[in-house]
């Protein structure tokens, strides 16, 4: 068995800084992108369009 550290360290100031940045961001564009990739058929179509060589 490997030696594994059992201590969890949370850097509260870093976590709070990231939370503040995330609260200020608009993720609506990513939401639309996520919906596009939620269907396996759409992913295959995007892949085919991206890799098509004319």
N, C-alpha and C. Protein backbone atom coordinates (compact mmCIF):
# COMPACT_ATOMS: atom_id res chain seq x y z
N UNK A 1 0.85 -1.19 0.00
CA UNK A 1 0.00 0.00 0.00
C UNK A 1 0.89 1.25 0.00
N UNK A 2 0.49 2.23 -0.78
CA UNK A 2 1.24 3.48 -0.85
C UNK A 2 0.93 4.36 0.35
N UNK A 3 1.91 5.16 0.72
CA UNK A 3 1.69 6.12 1.79
C UNK A 3 0.88 7.29 1.23
N UNK A 4 -0.22 7.57 1.86
CA UNK A 4 -1.11 8.64 1.42
C UNK A 4 -1.33 9.59 2.58
N UNK A 5 -1.20 10.85 2.29
CA UNK A 5 -1.44 11.87 3.31
C UNK A 5 -2.92 11.86 3.70
N UNK A 6 -3.19 11.91 4.98
CA UNK A 6 -4.56 11.87 5.49
C UNK A 6 -5.04 13.25 5.95
N UNK A 7 -4.28 14.28 5.63
CA UNK A 7 -4.60 15.63 6.08
C UNK A 7 -5.25 16.40 4.94
N UNK A 8 -6.36 17.05 5.24
CA UNK A 8 -7.04 17.90 4.27
C UNK A 8 -6.80 19.35 4.66
N UNK A 9 -6.27 20.12 3.73
CA UNK A 9 -6.00 21.54 3.98
C UNK A 9 -6.87 22.35 3.03
N UNK A 10 -7.67 23.25 3.60
CA UNK A 10 -8.52 24.13 2.80
C UNK A 10 -7.97 25.55 2.93
N UNK A 11 -7.60 26.14 1.82
CA UNK A 11 -7.11 27.52 1.80
C UNK A 11 -8.32 28.43 1.62
N UNK A 12 -8.88 28.85 2.75
CA UNK A 12 -10.14 29.61 2.74
C UNK A 12 -10.06 30.87 1.90
N UNK A 13 -8.94 31.57 1.96
CA UNK A 13 -8.83 32.83 1.20
C UNK A 13 -8.85 32.55 -0.30
N UNK A 14 -8.23 31.46 -0.73
CA UNK A 14 -8.25 31.11 -2.15
C UNK A 14 -9.65 30.67 -2.59
N UNK A 15 -10.30 29.86 -1.76
CA UNK A 15 -11.64 29.39 -2.07
C UNK A 15 -12.60 30.57 -2.17
N UNK A 16 -12.52 31.49 -1.23
CA UNK A 16 -13.41 32.66 -1.25
C UNK A 16 -13.13 33.54 -2.46
N UNK A 17 -11.86 33.67 -2.84
CA UNK A 17 -11.52 34.47 -4.03
C UNK A 17 -12.11 33.86 -5.29
N UNK A 18 -12.01 32.55 -5.42
CA UNK A 18 -12.59 31.87 -6.59
C UNK A 18 -14.11 31.98 -6.58
N UNK A 19 -14.72 31.81 -5.42
CA UNK A 19 -16.18 31.93 -5.33
C UNK A 19 -16.64 33.31 -5.78
N UNK A 20 -15.92 34.34 -5.37
CA UNK A 20 -16.28 35.71 -5.77
C UNK A 20 -16.16 35.89 -7.28
N UNK A 21 -15.10 35.33 -7.87
CA UNK A 21 -14.93 35.44 -9.32
C UNK A 21 -16.04 34.69 -10.05
N UNK A 22 -16.40 33.52 -9.54
CA UNK A 22 -17.45 32.73 -10.19
C UNK A 22 -18.81 33.41 -10.10
N UNK A 23 -19.06 34.08 -8.98
CA UNK A 23 -20.33 34.79 -8.82
C UNK A 23 -20.47 35.94 -9.81
N UNK A 24 -19.35 36.48 -10.27
CA UNK A 24 -19.38 37.63 -11.18
C UNK A 24 -19.41 37.21 -12.64
N UNK A 25 -19.25 35.95 -12.93
CA UNK A 25 -19.19 35.47 -14.32
C UNK A 25 -20.57 35.13 -14.84
N UNK A 26 -20.73 35.28 -16.15
CA UNK A 26 -21.96 34.89 -16.83
C UNK A 26 -21.67 33.58 -17.58
N UNK A 27 -22.28 32.51 -17.16
CA UNK A 27 -22.03 31.21 -17.75
C UNK A 27 -23.14 30.78 -18.72
N UNK A 28 -23.95 31.72 -19.18
CA UNK A 28 -25.06 31.36 -20.06
C UNK A 28 -24.56 30.78 -21.39
N UNK A 29 -23.42 31.28 -21.91
CA UNK A 29 -22.88 30.72 -23.15
C UNK A 29 -22.47 29.27 -22.97
N UNK A 30 -21.87 28.96 -21.83
CA UNK A 30 -21.48 27.58 -21.56
C UNK A 30 -22.70 26.68 -21.37
N UNK A 31 -23.76 27.24 -20.84
CA UNK A 31 -24.99 26.47 -20.67
C UNK A 31 -25.54 26.05 -22.02
N UNK A 32 -25.55 26.95 -22.97
CA UNK A 32 -26.01 26.64 -24.32
C UNK A 32 -25.11 25.57 -24.95
N UNK A 33 -23.81 25.71 -24.77
CA UNK A 33 -22.87 24.73 -25.30
C UNK A 33 -23.09 23.37 -24.65
N UNK A 34 -23.33 23.35 -23.36
CA UNK A 34 -23.61 22.10 -22.67
C UNK A 34 -24.86 21.43 -23.20
N UNK A 35 -25.87 22.21 -23.50
CA UNK A 35 -27.10 21.63 -24.07
C UNK A 35 -26.83 21.04 -25.45
N UNK A 36 -25.97 21.67 -26.22
CA UNK A 36 -25.64 21.16 -27.55
C UNK A 36 -24.95 19.81 -27.46
N UNK A 37 -24.10 19.64 -26.47
CA UNK A 37 -23.34 18.40 -26.34
C UNK A 37 -24.05 17.34 -25.49
N UNK A 38 -25.25 17.62 -25.05
CA UNK A 38 -25.94 16.68 -24.18
C UNK A 38 -26.49 15.48 -24.95
N UNK A 39 -26.57 15.58 -26.25
CA UNK A 39 -27.09 14.49 -27.08
C UNK A 39 -25.94 13.85 -27.85
N UNK A 40 -25.79 12.52 -27.76
CA UNK A 40 -24.69 11.82 -28.40
C UNK A 40 -24.70 12.02 -29.92
N UNK A 41 -25.87 12.07 -30.52
CA UNK A 41 -25.96 12.27 -31.97
C UNK A 41 -25.39 13.63 -32.37
N UNK A 42 -25.63 14.64 -31.58
CA UNK A 42 -25.10 15.98 -31.86
C UNK A 42 -23.59 15.98 -31.78
N UNK A 43 -23.05 15.27 -30.79
CA UNK A 43 -21.59 15.20 -30.66
C UNK A 43 -20.98 14.56 -31.90
N UNK A 44 -21.61 13.51 -32.41
CA UNK A 44 -21.10 12.85 -33.61
C UNK A 44 -21.18 13.78 -34.81
N UNK A 45 -22.24 14.57 -34.92
CA UNK A 45 -22.37 15.53 -36.02
C UNK A 45 -21.29 16.60 -35.92
N UNK A 46 -21.09 17.15 -34.72
CA UNK A 46 -20.04 18.16 -34.53
C UNK A 46 -18.67 17.59 -34.88
N UNK A 47 -18.42 16.36 -34.47
CA UNK A 47 -17.14 15.73 -34.77
C UNK A 47 -16.96 15.57 -36.27
N UNK A 48 -18.01 15.12 -36.94
CA UNK A 48 -17.94 14.92 -38.39
C UNK A 48 -17.69 16.25 -39.09
N UNK A 49 -18.34 17.30 -38.67
CA UNK A 49 -18.14 18.61 -39.29
C UNK A 49 -16.74 19.14 -39.02
N UNK A 50 -16.24 18.91 -37.83
CA UNK A 50 -14.90 19.40 -37.45
C UNK A 50 -13.80 18.66 -38.19
N UNK A 51 -13.98 17.38 -38.43
CA UNK A 51 -12.90 16.57 -39.00
C UNK A 51 -13.05 16.36 -40.50
N UNK A 52 -14.10 16.91 -41.11
CA UNK A 52 -14.33 16.74 -42.54
C UNK A 52 -13.23 17.44 -43.34
N UNK A 53 -12.65 16.73 -44.26
CA UNK A 53 -11.62 17.31 -45.14
C UNK A 53 -12.16 17.29 -46.56
N UNK A 54 -12.27 18.46 -47.16
CA UNK A 54 -12.84 18.52 -48.50
C UNK A 54 -11.80 18.31 -49.57
